């Protein structure tokens, strides 16, 4: 008899434990269309992302101004093709002058490629504040 009582007690405890751990079943709500609240205001719309071309143009402005001066062209006629962060293979910043030697160390820098009149121009430097025009024979001297 005691064995039967233990089995009943164990079965009852298990049933209580299982029912206590299960989620209650709630009736599913019926969908009703709510009337729009006239006092509700939509959250402010996010501002559009800044134009990438405008940002690139601002970053490249020193090079644009230099090239405009060299070409005698309006700065607006010069397009920014690319701005790249570059690890140059040596201290020449990717623009070696013929006959010059350069430290053979990886040198971080930037490259700005501009276009005017169908021709591209490359500006190199250690930063956007330190750009120079790179010609076929190395760095082009600055304008006086």
N, C-alpha and C. Protein backbone atom coordinates (compact mmCIF):
# COMPACT_ATOMS: atom_id res chain seq x y z
N UNK A 1 0.81 -1.17 0.00
CA UNK A 1 0.00 0.00 0.00
C UNK A 1 0.86 1.25 0.00
N UNK A 2 1.91 1.19 0.71
CA UNK A 2 2.79 2.34 0.79
C UNK A 2 3.44 2.62 -0.56
N UNK A 3 3.66 1.56 -1.34
CA UNK A 3 4.25 1.74 -2.66
C UNK A 3 3.23 2.43 -3.57
N UNK A 4 1.98 2.10 -3.45
CA UNK A 4 0.94 2.70 -4.27
C UNK A 4 0.77 4.18 -3.91
N UNK A 5 0.83 4.47 -2.61
CA UNK A 5 0.72 5.84 -2.17
C UNK A 5 1.89 6.68 -2.70
N UNK A 6 3.08 6.16 -2.70
CA UNK A 6 4.26 6.87 -3.21
C UNK A 6 4.12 7.15 -4.70
N UNK A 7 3.57 6.19 -5.44
CA UNK A 7 3.40 6.36 -6.88
C UNK A 7 2.36 7.42 -7.17
N UNK A 8 1.27 7.42 -6.40
CA UNK A 8 0.22 8.43 -6.59
C UNK A 8 0.77 9.80 -6.22
N UNK A 9 1.48 9.88 -5.13
CA UNK A 9 2.05 11.14 -4.68
C UNK A 9 3.03 11.68 -5.74
N UNK A 10 3.88 10.85 -6.29
CA UNK A 10 4.84 11.23 -7.30
C UNK A 10 4.14 11.69 -8.57
N UNK A 11 3.09 10.99 -8.98
CA UNK A 11 2.33 11.36 -10.17
C UNK A 11 1.64 12.71 -9.97
N UNK A 12 1.08 12.94 -8.79
CA UNK A 12 0.40 14.19 -8.50
C UNK A 12 1.40 15.35 -8.49
N UNK A 13 2.55 15.14 -7.88
CA UNK A 13 3.57 16.19 -7.82
C UNK A 13 4.08 16.52 -9.22
N UNK A 14 4.28 15.52 -10.05
CA UNK A 14 4.74 15.74 -11.43
C UNK A 14 3.72 16.51 -12.23
N UNK A 15 2.44 16.17 -12.06
CA UNK A 15 1.38 16.88 -12.79
C UNK A 15 1.33 18.34 -12.38
N UNK A 16 1.42 18.60 -11.07
CA UNK A 16 1.43 19.98 -10.59
C UNK A 16 2.63 20.76 -11.12
N UNK A 17 3.77 20.12 -11.11
CA UNK A 17 5.00 20.77 -11.58
C UNK A 17 4.90 21.11 -13.06
N UNK A 18 4.41 20.20 -13.86
CA UNK A 18 4.29 20.43 -15.30
C UNK A 18 3.28 21.53 -15.58
N UNK A 19 2.14 21.51 -14.88
CA UNK A 19 1.13 22.53 -15.13
C UNK A 19 1.58 23.90 -14.63
N UNK A 20 2.39 23.96 -13.59
CA UNK A 20 2.86 25.23 -13.07
C UNK A 20 3.89 25.86 -14.00
N UNK A 21 4.65 25.07 -14.73
CA UNK A 21 5.70 25.58 -15.61
C UNK A 21 5.20 25.92 -17.00
N UNK A 22 4.02 25.49 -17.35
CA UNK A 22 3.53 25.77 -18.70
C UNK A 22 2.91 27.16 -18.75
N UNK A 23 2.93 27.77 -19.92
CA UNK A 23 2.37 29.11 -20.09
C UNK A 23 0.86 29.02 -20.12
N UNK A 24 0.19 30.00 -19.52
CA UNK A 24 -1.27 29.97 -19.53
C UNK A 24 -1.78 30.22 -20.95
N UNK A 25 -2.88 29.58 -21.26
CA UNK A 25 -3.48 29.76 -22.57
C UNK A 25 -4.49 30.89 -22.44
N UNK A 26 -4.24 31.96 -23.22
CA UNK A 26 -5.15 33.10 -23.20
C UNK A 26 -5.92 33.14 -24.50
N UNK A 27 -7.12 33.62 -24.44
CA UNK A 27 -7.88 33.72 -25.68
C UNK A 27 -7.20 34.71 -26.62
N UNK A 28 -7.22 34.41 -27.92
CA UNK A 28 -6.57 35.30 -28.88
C UNK A 28 -7.43 36.53 -29.08
N UNK A 29 -6.80 37.69 -29.04
CA UNK A 29 -7.58 38.92 -29.21
C UNK A 29 -8.03 39.05 -30.66
N UNK A 30 -9.16 39.69 -30.84
CA UNK A 30 -9.64 39.92 -32.19
C UNK A 30 -9.08 41.25 -32.66
N UNK A 31 -8.71 41.31 -33.89
CA UNK A 31 -8.12 42.52 -34.45
C UNK A 31 -9.22 43.54 -34.70
N UNK A 32 -9.01 44.74 -34.19
CA UNK A 32 -9.95 45.82 -34.46
C UNK A 32 -9.14 47.00 -34.95
N UNK A 33 -9.67 47.69 -35.89
CA UNK A 33 -9.00 48.86 -36.42
C UNK A 33 -9.23 50.01 -35.47
N UNK A 34 -8.14 50.62 -35.03
CA UNK A 34 -8.25 51.75 -34.12
C UNK A 34 -8.40 53.02 -34.94
N UNK A 35 -9.22 53.90 -34.44
CA UNK A 35 -9.39 55.18 -35.11
C UNK A 35 -8.12 56.00 -34.91
N UNK A 36 -7.66 56.67 -35.94
CA UNK A 36 -6.46 57.47 -35.78
C UNK A 36 -6.66 58.55 -34.74
N UNK A 37 -5.66 58.74 -33.92
CA UNK A 37 -5.70 59.74 -32.87
C UNK A 37 -5.27 61.07 -33.48
N UNK A 38 -6.12 62.06 -33.44
CA UNK A 38 -5.80 63.34 -34.06
C UNK A 38 -4.69 64.06 -33.31
N UNK A 39 -4.43 63.70 -32.06
CA UNK A 39 -3.37 64.35 -31.29
C UNK A 39 -2.01 63.70 -31.54
N UNK A 40 -2.01 62.54 -32.20
CA UNK A 40 -0.76 61.83 -32.46
C UNK A 40 0.06 62.58 -33.50
N UNK A 41 1.33 62.75 -33.20
CA UNK A 41 2.23 63.37 -34.17
C UNK A 41 3.30 62.36 -34.52
N UNK A 42 3.56 62.22 -35.78
CA UNK A 42 4.59 61.31 -36.25
C UNK A 42 5.94 61.81 -35.76
N UNK A 43 6.85 60.89 -35.40
CA UNK A 43 8.17 61.35 -34.96
C UNK A 43 8.86 62.08 -36.10
N UNK A 44 9.76 62.96 -35.74
CA UNK A 44 10.47 63.74 -36.74
C UNK A 44 11.20 62.81 -37.70
N UNK A 45 11.14 63.14 -38.95
CA UNK A 45 11.82 62.34 -39.96
C UNK A 45 13.32 62.59 -39.84
N UNK A 46 14.13 61.54 -39.97
CA UNK A 46 15.57 61.75 -39.88
C UNK A 46 16.05 62.60 -41.05
N UNK A 47 17.09 63.38 -40.79
CA UNK A 47 17.65 64.19 -41.86
C UNK A 47 18.32 63.27 -42.86
N UNK A 48 18.25 63.61 -44.13
CA UNK A 48 18.92 62.76 -45.11
C UNK A 48 20.43 62.76 -44.88
N UNK A 49 21.03 61.65 -45.24
CA UNK A 49 22.48 61.53 -45.09
C UNK A 49 23.15 62.57 -45.98
N UNK A 50 24.28 63.12 -45.50
CA UNK A 50 24.97 64.11 -46.32
C UNK A 50 25.40 63.47 -47.64
N UNK A 51 25.41 64.26 -48.67
CA UNK A 51 25.80 63.80 -50.00
C UNK A 51 27.28 63.41 -49.98
N UNK A 52 27.57 62.19 -50.37
CA UNK A 52 28.95 61.69 -50.37
C UNK A 52 29.84 62.55 -51.25
N UNK A 53 29.34 62.95 -52.41
CA UNK A 53 30.13 63.76 -53.32
C UNK A 53 30.49 65.10 -52.68
N UNK A 54 29.56 65.68 -51.92
CA UNK A 54 29.82 66.94 -51.24
C UNK A 54 30.91 66.76 -50.19
N UNK A 55 30.84 65.66 -49.43
CA UNK A 55 31.87 65.39 -48.42
C UNK A 55 33.23 65.19 -49.06
N UNK A 56 33.28 64.41 -50.15
CA UNK A 56 34.55 64.19 -50.84
C UNK A 56 35.10 65.50 -51.37
N UNK A 57 34.25 66.33 -51.91
CA UNK A 57 34.68 67.61 -52.46
C UNK A 57 35.28 68.48 -51.35
N UNK A 58 34.66 68.50 -50.20
CA UNK A 58 35.18 69.29 -49.09
C UNK A 58 36.55 68.77 -48.64
N UNK A 59 36.70 67.43 -48.58
CA UNK A 59 37.98 66.85 -48.19
C UNK A 59 39.09 67.15 -49.20
N UNK A 60 38.73 67.19 -50.48
CA UNK A 60 39.71 67.39 -51.54
C UNK A 60 39.89 68.86 -51.92
N UNK A 61 39.24 69.78 -51.21
CA UNK A 61 39.24 71.19 -51.61
C UNK A 61 40.64 71.78 -51.79
N UNK A 62 41.62 71.49 -50.91
CA UNK A 62 42.97 72.05 -51.16
C UNK A 62 43.55 71.60 -52.50
N UNK A 63 43.35 70.34 -52.87
CA UNK A 63 43.85 69.84 -54.16
C UNK A 63 43.06 70.47 -55.31
N UNK A 64 41.76 70.62 -55.15
CA UNK A 64 40.93 71.25 -56.18
C UNK A 64 41.40 72.67 -56.43
N UNK A 65 41.62 73.43 -55.35
CA UNK A 65 42.07 74.81 -55.49
C UNK A 65 43.43 74.89 -56.18
N UNK A 66 44.34 73.97 -55.82
CA UNK A 66 45.66 73.96 -56.44
C UNK A 66 45.54 73.68 -57.94
N UNK A 67 44.77 72.65 -58.29
CA UNK A 67 44.63 72.29 -59.70
C UNK A 67 43.94 73.40 -60.49
N UNK A 68 42.94 74.03 -59.91
CA UNK A 68 42.25 75.14 -60.58
C UNK A 68 43.24 76.26 -60.88
N UNK A 69 44.12 76.55 -59.93
CA UNK A 69 45.14 77.58 -60.14
C UNK A 69 46.12 77.20 -61.24
N UNK A 70 46.51 75.93 -61.28
CA UNK A 70 47.45 75.46 -62.31
C UNK A 70 46.83 75.49 -63.70
N UNK A 71 45.55 75.14 -63.79
CA UNK A 71 44.88 75.05 -65.08
C UNK A 71 44.22 76.36 -65.50
N UNK A 72 44.10 77.29 -64.57
CA UNK A 72 43.36 78.51 -64.86
C UNK A 72 41.88 78.21 -65.08
N UNK A 73 41.39 77.24 -64.35
CA UNK A 73 40.00 76.80 -64.49
C UNK A 73 39.21 77.12 -63.22
N UNK A 74 37.91 77.14 -63.36
CA UNK A 74 37.05 77.34 -62.19
C UNK A 74 37.07 76.07 -61.35
N UNK A 75 37.16 76.19 -60.02
CA UNK A 75 37.15 75.00 -59.16
C UNK A 75 35.92 74.11 -59.40
N UNK A 76 34.79 74.70 -59.79
CA UNK A 76 33.57 73.92 -60.03
C UNK A 76 33.70 72.99 -61.23
N UNK A 77 34.66 73.28 -62.11
CA UNK A 77 34.84 72.44 -63.31
C UNK A 77 35.71 71.22 -63.03
N UNK A 78 36.18 71.09 -61.81
CA UNK A 78 37.05 69.97 -61.43
C UNK A 78 36.24 68.97 -60.61
N UNK A 79 36.28 67.70 -61.03
CA UNK A 79 35.52 66.65 -60.37
C UNK A 79 36.44 65.79 -59.50
N UNK A 80 35.91 65.35 -58.38
CA UNK A 80 36.63 64.40 -57.52
C UNK A 80 36.27 63.00 -58.00
N UNK A 81 37.28 62.25 -58.44
CA UNK A 81 37.06 60.88 -58.92
C UNK A 81 37.14 59.91 -57.76
N UNK A 82 38.20 60.02 -56.96
CA UNK A 82 38.40 59.11 -55.82
C UNK A 82 39.23 59.78 -54.75
N UNK A 83 39.00 59.35 -53.52
CA UNK A 83 39.89 59.66 -52.40
C UNK A 83 40.17 58.33 -51.72
N UNK A 84 41.46 57.98 -51.60
CA UNK A 84 41.85 56.69 -51.05
C UNK A 84 42.87 56.84 -49.95
N UNK A 85 42.71 56.06 -48.89
CA UNK A 85 43.78 55.90 -47.91
C UNK A 85 44.70 54.83 -48.48
N UNK A 86 46.00 55.10 -48.46
CA UNK A 86 46.95 54.21 -49.11
C UNK A 86 48.13 53.95 -48.18
N UNK A 87 48.63 52.72 -48.21
CA UNK A 87 49.91 52.41 -47.58
C UNK A 87 50.94 52.38 -48.71
N UNK A 88 51.70 53.48 -48.84
CA UNK A 88 52.69 53.58 -49.90
C UNK A 88 53.86 52.63 -49.59
N UNK A 89 54.47 52.03 -50.61
CA UNK A 89 55.54 51.07 -50.35
C UNK A 89 56.87 51.70 -49.90
N UNK A 90 56.98 53.02 -50.06
CA UNK A 90 58.21 53.69 -49.62
C UNK A 90 57.90 55.14 -49.27
N UNK A 91 58.93 55.88 -48.85
CA UNK A 91 58.74 57.26 -48.39
C UNK A 91 58.48 58.25 -49.53
N UNK A 92 58.48 57.79 -50.79
CA UNK A 92 58.18 58.70 -51.90
C UNK A 92 56.68 58.98 -52.00
N UNK A 93 55.89 58.30 -51.23
CA UNK A 93 54.43 58.43 -51.23
C UNK A 93 53.84 58.13 -52.60
N UNK A 94 54.46 57.16 -53.29
CA UNK A 94 53.94 56.73 -54.58
C UNK A 94 54.26 57.68 -55.72
N UNK A 95 55.17 58.62 -55.49
CA UNK A 95 55.50 59.61 -56.51
C UNK A 95 57.01 59.86 -56.52
N UNK A 96 57.79 58.85 -56.89
CA UNK A 96 59.25 59.01 -56.83
C UNK A 96 59.78 59.93 -57.93
N UNK A 97 60.72 60.76 -57.56
CA UNK A 97 61.42 61.60 -58.54
C UNK A 97 62.57 60.77 -59.11
N UNK A 98 62.80 60.84 -60.41
CA UNK A 98 63.89 60.06 -61.01
C UNK A 98 65.23 60.38 -60.36
N UNK A 99 66.01 59.33 -60.10
CA UNK A 99 67.34 59.48 -59.52
C UNK A 99 67.37 59.70 -58.02
N UNK A 100 66.24 59.72 -57.38
CA UNK A 100 66.20 59.94 -55.93
C UNK A 100 66.04 58.60 -55.21
N UNK A 101 66.61 58.50 -54.03
CA UNK A 101 66.45 57.32 -53.20
C UNK A 101 65.47 57.61 -52.07
N UNK A 102 64.73 56.62 -51.67
CA UNK A 102 63.71 56.79 -50.63
C UNK A 102 63.80 55.65 -49.64
N UNK A 103 63.49 55.96 -48.39
CA UNK A 103 63.46 54.93 -47.35
C UNK A 103 62.42 53.88 -47.75
N UNK A 104 62.81 52.63 -47.66
CA UNK A 104 61.93 51.52 -48.05
C UNK A 104 61.10 51.07 -46.85
N UNK A 105 60.17 51.92 -46.46
CA UNK A 105 59.28 51.62 -45.34
C UNK A 105 57.84 51.88 -45.78
N UNK A 106 56.93 51.08 -45.28
CA UNK A 106 55.51 51.31 -45.56
C UNK A 106 55.16 52.67 -44.96
N UNK A 107 54.59 53.54 -45.79
CA UNK A 107 54.27 54.90 -45.35
C UNK A 107 52.78 55.15 -45.59
N UNK A 108 52.00 55.33 -44.52
CA UNK A 108 50.57 55.60 -44.70
C UNK A 108 50.36 56.98 -45.31
N UNK A 109 49.34 57.08 -46.15
CA UNK A 109 49.04 58.36 -46.77
C UNK A 109 47.71 58.33 -47.49
N UNK A 110 47.52 59.33 -48.34
CA UNK A 110 46.28 59.46 -49.10
C UNK A 110 46.58 59.74 -50.57
N UNK A 111 45.60 59.42 -51.38
CA UNK A 111 45.65 59.68 -52.82
C UNK A 111 44.31 60.31 -53.19
N UNK A 112 44.37 61.45 -53.88
CA UNK A 112 43.16 62.13 -54.36
C UNK A 112 43.28 62.19 -55.87
N UNK A 113 42.29 61.65 -56.56
CA UNK A 113 42.28 61.67 -58.01
C UNK A 113 41.20 62.64 -58.47
N UNK A 114 41.63 63.64 -59.25
CA UNK A 114 40.72 64.66 -59.76
C UNK A 114 40.63 64.54 -61.28
N UNK A 115 39.58 65.10 -61.85
CA UNK A 115 39.39 65.07 -63.31
C UNK A 115 38.96 66.45 -63.77
N UNK A 116 39.59 66.89 -64.86
CA UNK A 116 39.19 68.14 -65.49
C UNK A 116 39.46 68.03 -66.98
N UNK A 117 38.48 68.38 -67.78
CA UNK A 117 38.65 68.34 -69.23
C UNK A 117 38.99 66.97 -69.78
N UNK A 118 38.53 65.91 -69.13
CA UNK A 118 38.78 64.56 -69.60
C UNK A 118 40.14 64.01 -69.19
N UNK A 119 40.92 64.76 -68.44
CA UNK A 119 42.24 64.30 -67.97
C UNK A 119 42.21 64.14 -66.46
N UNK A 120 42.89 63.08 -65.97
CA UNK A 120 42.95 62.87 -64.52
C UNK A 120 44.27 63.38 -63.95
N UNK A 121 44.21 63.79 -62.71
CA UNK A 121 45.35 64.32 -61.98
C UNK A 121 45.39 63.65 -60.62
N UNK A 122 46.58 63.23 -60.20
CA UNK A 122 46.74 62.56 -58.91
C UNK A 122 47.47 63.47 -57.93
N UNK A 123 46.87 63.58 -56.76
CA UNK A 123 47.52 64.27 -55.64
C UNK A 123 47.81 63.22 -54.59
N UNK A 124 49.03 63.25 -54.05
CA UNK A 124 49.45 62.31 -53.02
C UNK A 124 49.86 63.11 -51.79
N UNK A 125 49.91 62.44 -50.66
CA UNK A 125 50.37 63.09 -49.43
C UNK A 125 50.27 62.16 -48.25
N UNK A 126 50.81 62.63 -47.13
CA UNK A 126 50.69 61.87 -45.89
C UNK A 126 49.30 62.06 -45.29
N UNK A 127 48.67 63.19 -45.61
CA UNK A 127 47.31 63.47 -45.13
C UNK A 127 46.62 64.37 -46.14
N UNK A 128 45.36 64.65 -45.93
CA UNK A 128 44.62 65.54 -46.84
C UNK A 128 45.10 66.98 -46.71
N UNK A 129 45.80 67.30 -45.64
CA UNK A 129 46.34 68.65 -45.45
C UNK A 129 47.73 68.79 -46.04
N UNK A 130 48.27 67.72 -46.60
CA UNK A 130 49.66 67.69 -47.05
C UNK A 130 49.74 67.11 -48.46
N UNK A 131 48.90 67.59 -49.38
CA UNK A 131 48.83 67.01 -50.72
C UNK A 131 49.75 67.75 -51.70
N UNK A 132 50.27 66.99 -52.65
CA UNK A 132 51.05 67.58 -53.75
C UNK A 132 50.66 66.89 -55.04
N UNK A 133 50.80 67.61 -56.15
CA UNK A 133 50.49 67.05 -57.46
C UNK A 133 51.61 66.10 -57.85
N UNK A 134 51.24 64.89 -58.24
CA UNK A 134 52.21 63.89 -58.66
C UNK A 134 52.21 63.86 -60.19
N UNK A 135 53.34 64.24 -60.77
CA UNK A 135 53.48 64.24 -62.22
C UNK A 135 54.22 63.02 -62.71
N UNK A 136 54.48 62.95 -64.01
CA UNK A 136 55.18 61.79 -64.58
C UNK A 136 56.63 61.73 -64.09
N UNK A 137 57.21 62.87 -63.73
CA UNK A 137 58.59 62.90 -63.22
C UNK A 137 58.64 63.16 -61.72
N UNK A 138 57.62 62.74 -61.01
CA UNK A 138 57.60 62.90 -59.56
C UNK A 138 56.78 64.10 -59.14
N UNK A 139 57.04 64.57 -57.92
CA UNK A 139 56.25 65.69 -57.40
C UNK A 139 56.42 66.96 -58.26
N UNK A 140 55.31 67.61 -58.55
CA UNK A 140 55.32 68.85 -59.30
C UNK A 140 55.49 69.99 -58.28
N UNK A 141 56.45 70.90 -58.51
CA UNK A 141 56.66 71.99 -57.53
C UNK A 141 55.38 72.80 -57.32
N UNK A 142 55.22 73.31 -56.10
CA UNK A 142 54.01 74.10 -55.82
C UNK A 142 53.99 75.40 -56.64
N UNK A 143 52.80 75.94 -56.83
CA UNK A 143 52.66 77.23 -57.51
C UNK A 143 53.23 78.32 -56.63
N UNK A 144 53.82 79.30 -57.25
CA UNK A 144 54.37 80.44 -56.50
C UNK A 144 53.30 81.44 -56.18
